C-alpha atoms as a PDB file:
ATOM      1  CA  MET A   1     130.054  34.358 -29.745  1.00  0.00           C
ATOM      2  CA  PRO A   2     126.934  32.649 -30.679  1.00  0.00           C
ATOM      3  CA  THR A   3     125.815  32.372 -33.933  1.00  0.00           C
ATOM      4  CA  ARG A   4     122.923  30.442 -35.500  1.00  0.00           C
ATOM      5  CA  GLN A   5     122.731  27.858 -37.180  1.00  0.00           C
ATOM      6  CA  TYR A   6     119.757  25.975 -39.306  1.00  0.00           C
ATOM      7  CA  TRP A   7     120.947  22.676 -40.068  1.00  0.00           C
ATOM      8  CA  ARG A   8     122.300  21.045 -37.030  1.00  0.00           C
ATOM      9  CA  LYS A   9     123.437  17.400 -36.574  1.00  0.00           C
ATOM     10  CA  ALA A  10     124.679  15.812 -32.812  1.00  0.00           C
ATOM     11  CA  GLY A  11     128.737  16.623 -32.928  1.00  0.00           C
ATOM     12  CA  ALA A  12     128.973  18.696 -35.866  1.00  0.00           C
ATOM     13  CA  SER A  13     130.014  22.376 -35.845  1.00  0.00           C
ATOM     14  CA  LYS A  14     128.865  24.645 -37.757  1.00  0.00           C
ATOM     15  CA  ALA A  15     131.671  23.725 -40.856  1.00  0.00           C
ATOM     16  CA  ASP A  16     130.842  20.712 -40.862  1.00  0.00           C
ATOM     17  CA  ALA A  17     127.442  21.325 -41.843  1.00  0.00           C
ATOM     18  CA  ASP A  18     128.468  24.592 -43.870  1.00  0.00           C
ATOM     19  CA  LEU A  19     131.077  21.466 -45.533  1.00  0.00           C
ATOM     20  CA  ALA A  20     127.762  19.504 -46.248  1.00  0.00           C
ATOM     21  CA  ARG A  21     126.053  21.813 -48.216  1.00  0.00           C
ATOM     22  CA  GLN A  22     128.902  22.801 -50.447  1.00  0.00           C
ATOM     23  CA  GLN A  23     128.660  18.681 -50.938  1.00  0.00           C
ATOM     24  CA  CYS A  24     125.726  18.579 -51.671  1.00  0.00           C
ATOM     25  CA  SER A  25     125.343  21.763 -53.731  1.00  0.00           C
ATOM     26  CA  GLN A  26     128.033  20.527 -55.747  1.00  0.00           C
ATOM     27  CA  HIS A  27     126.698  16.744 -56.061  1.00  0.00           C
ATOM     28  CA  LEU A  28     122.729  18.672 -57.152  1.00  0.00           C
ATOM     29  CA  ARG A  29     124.694  20.714 -59.437  1.00  0.00           C
ATOM     30  CA  ASN A  30     125.127  17.215 -61.744  1.00  0.00           C
ATOM     31  CA  THR A  31     122.154  15.840 -61.619  1.00  0.00           C
ATOM     32  CA  ASP A  32     119.924  16.516 -64.680  1.00  0.00           C
ATOM     33  CA  GLU A  33     117.283  17.232 -62.854  1.00  0.00           C
ATOM     34  CA  TYR A  34     118.203  20.124 -60.736  1.00  0.00           C
ATOM     35  CA  VAL A  35     120.432  21.704 -63.404  1.00  0.00           C
ATOM     36  CA  GLY A  36     116.995  21.627 -65.818  1.00  0.00           C
ATOM     37  CA  LEU A  37     115.202  23.314 -63.250  1.00  0.00           C
ATOM     38  CA  LEU A  38     117.552  26.126 -62.989  1.00  0.00           C
ATOM     39  CA  LYS A  39     117.805  26.729 -66.864  1.00  0.00           C
ATOM     40  CA  GLU A  40     114.080  26.938 -66.601  1.00  0.00           C
ATOM     41  CA  SER A  41     113.809  29.346 -64.131  1.00  0.00           C
ATOM     42  CA  ALA A  42     116.616  31.839 -65.088  1.00  0.00           C
ATOM     43  CA  VAL A  43     114.629  32.135 -68.540  1.00  0.00           C
ATOM     44  CA  ILE A  44     111.814  32.797 -66.173  1.00  0.00           C
ATOM     45  CA  THR A  45     114.008  35.540 -64.693  1.00  0.00           C
ATOM     46  CA  LYS A  46     114.865  36.809 -67.699  1.00  0.00           C
ATOM     47  CA  ILE A  47     111.522  37.800 -68.402  1.00  0.00           C
ATOM     48  CA  TRP A  48     110.264  42.075 -67.535  1.00  0.00           C
ATOM     49  CA  HIS A  49     108.564  41.932 -65.029  1.00  0.00           C
ATOM     50  CA  ALA A  50     105.408  42.949 -66.511  1.00  0.00           C
ATOM     51  CA  GLU A  51     105.151  41.033 -69.136  1.00  0.00           C
ATOM     52  CA  ARG A  52     105.068  37.264 -66.422  1.00  0.00           C
ATOM     53  CA  THR A  53     102.303  36.020 -66.972  1.00  0.00           C
ATOM     54  CA  SER A  54     100.406  34.468 -63.792  1.00  0.00           C
ATOM     55  CA  ALA A  55     101.809  31.086 -65.242  1.00  0.00           C
ATOM     56  CA  GLN A  56     105.059  31.741 -65.068  1.00  0.00           C
ATOM     57  CA  LYS A  57     104.694  33.440 -61.759  1.00  0.00           C
ATOM     58  CA  LYS A  58     102.896  30.304 -60.830  1.00  0.00           C
ATOM     59  CA  ARG A  59     106.316  27.724 -62.303  1.00  0.00           C
ATOM     60  CA  ARG A  60     108.828  29.984 -61.312  1.00  0.00           C
ATOM     61  CA  LYS A  61     107.208  29.472 -56.954  1.00  0.00           C
ATOM     62  CA  GLU A  62     106.572  25.693 -58.233  1.00  0.00           C
ATOM     63  CA  ILE A  63     110.485  25.164 -59.240  1.00  0.00           C
ATOM     64  CA  ALA A  64     112.155  27.352 -56.105  1.00  0.00           C
ATOM     65  CA  ALA A  65     109.758  24.949 -54.192  1.00  0.00           C
ATOM     66  CA  ARG A  66     111.043  21.673 -55.797  1.00  0.00           C
ATOM     67  CA  LEU A  67     114.873  23.266 -55.728  1.00  0.00           C
ATOM     68  CA  GLY A  68     114.566  23.316 -51.796  1.00  0.00           C
ATOM     69  CA  GLN A  69     112.876  20.229 -51.714  1.00  0.00           C
ATOM     70  CA  LEU A  70     116.371  18.377 -53.686  1.00  0.00           C
ATOM     71  CA  HIS A  71     118.409  20.950 -51.373  1.00  0.00           C
ATOM     72  CA  ASP A  72     116.839  19.384 -48.032  1.00  0.00           C
ATOM     73  CA  ALA A  73     116.642  16.027 -48.884  1.00  0.00           C
ATOM     74  CA  CYS A  74     120.529  15.904 -50.282  1.00  0.00           C
ATOM     75  CA  MET A  75     120.734  17.965 -46.529  1.00  0.00           C
ATOM     76  CA  ALA A  76     119.288  15.240 -44.596  1.00  0.00           C
ATOM     77  CA  GLY A  77     121.232  12.645 -46.093  1.00  0.00           C
ATOM     78  CA  GLU A  78     123.606  13.711 -44.495  1.00  0.00           C
ATOM     79  CA  GLY A  79     122.815  13.732 -40.858  1.00  0.00           C
ATOM     80  CA  PHE A  80     121.486  16.763 -40.564  1.00  0.00           C
ATOM     81  CA  GLU A  81     118.073  18.357 -39.347  1.00  0.00           C
ATOM     82  CA  PHE A  82     117.000  21.327 -40.701  1.00  0.00           C
ATOM     83  CA  VAL A  83     115.801  23.734 -36.829  1.00  0.00           C
ATOM     84  CA  ARG A  84     113.240  26.791 -37.912  1.00  0.00           C
ATOM     85  CA  ARG A  85     115.106  29.283 -35.721  1.00  0.00           C
ATOM     86  CA  GLY A  86     118.487  28.010 -35.278  1.00  0.00           C
ATOM     87  CA  PHE A  87     119.889  27.491 -32.257  1.00  0.00           C
ATOM     88  CA  PRO A  88     123.060  28.814 -30.432  1.00  0.00           C
ATOM     89  CA  VAL A  89     126.579  27.564 -31.243  1.00  0.00           C
ATOM     90  CA  GLU A  90     128.966  27.998 -28.401  1.00  0.00           C
END
């Protein structure tokens, strides 16, 4: 049964993409920038929603965007290409 895959690489299966994603996550968790962003994000998240300032909300979006950029760069470094809507895997 076909499934959807969002990271593709010639000759790579979904299992290969999952393994690369896990390795990237492991690698990123060992970098100071990634860990610092996660900690800062957690502090903002703990603040009650109604009490968050607009600056904190904006910073949270910036952090999320940077975390995504780091992950995307790692996957691209592994040779994978991001496909927005995915593609069918036979």
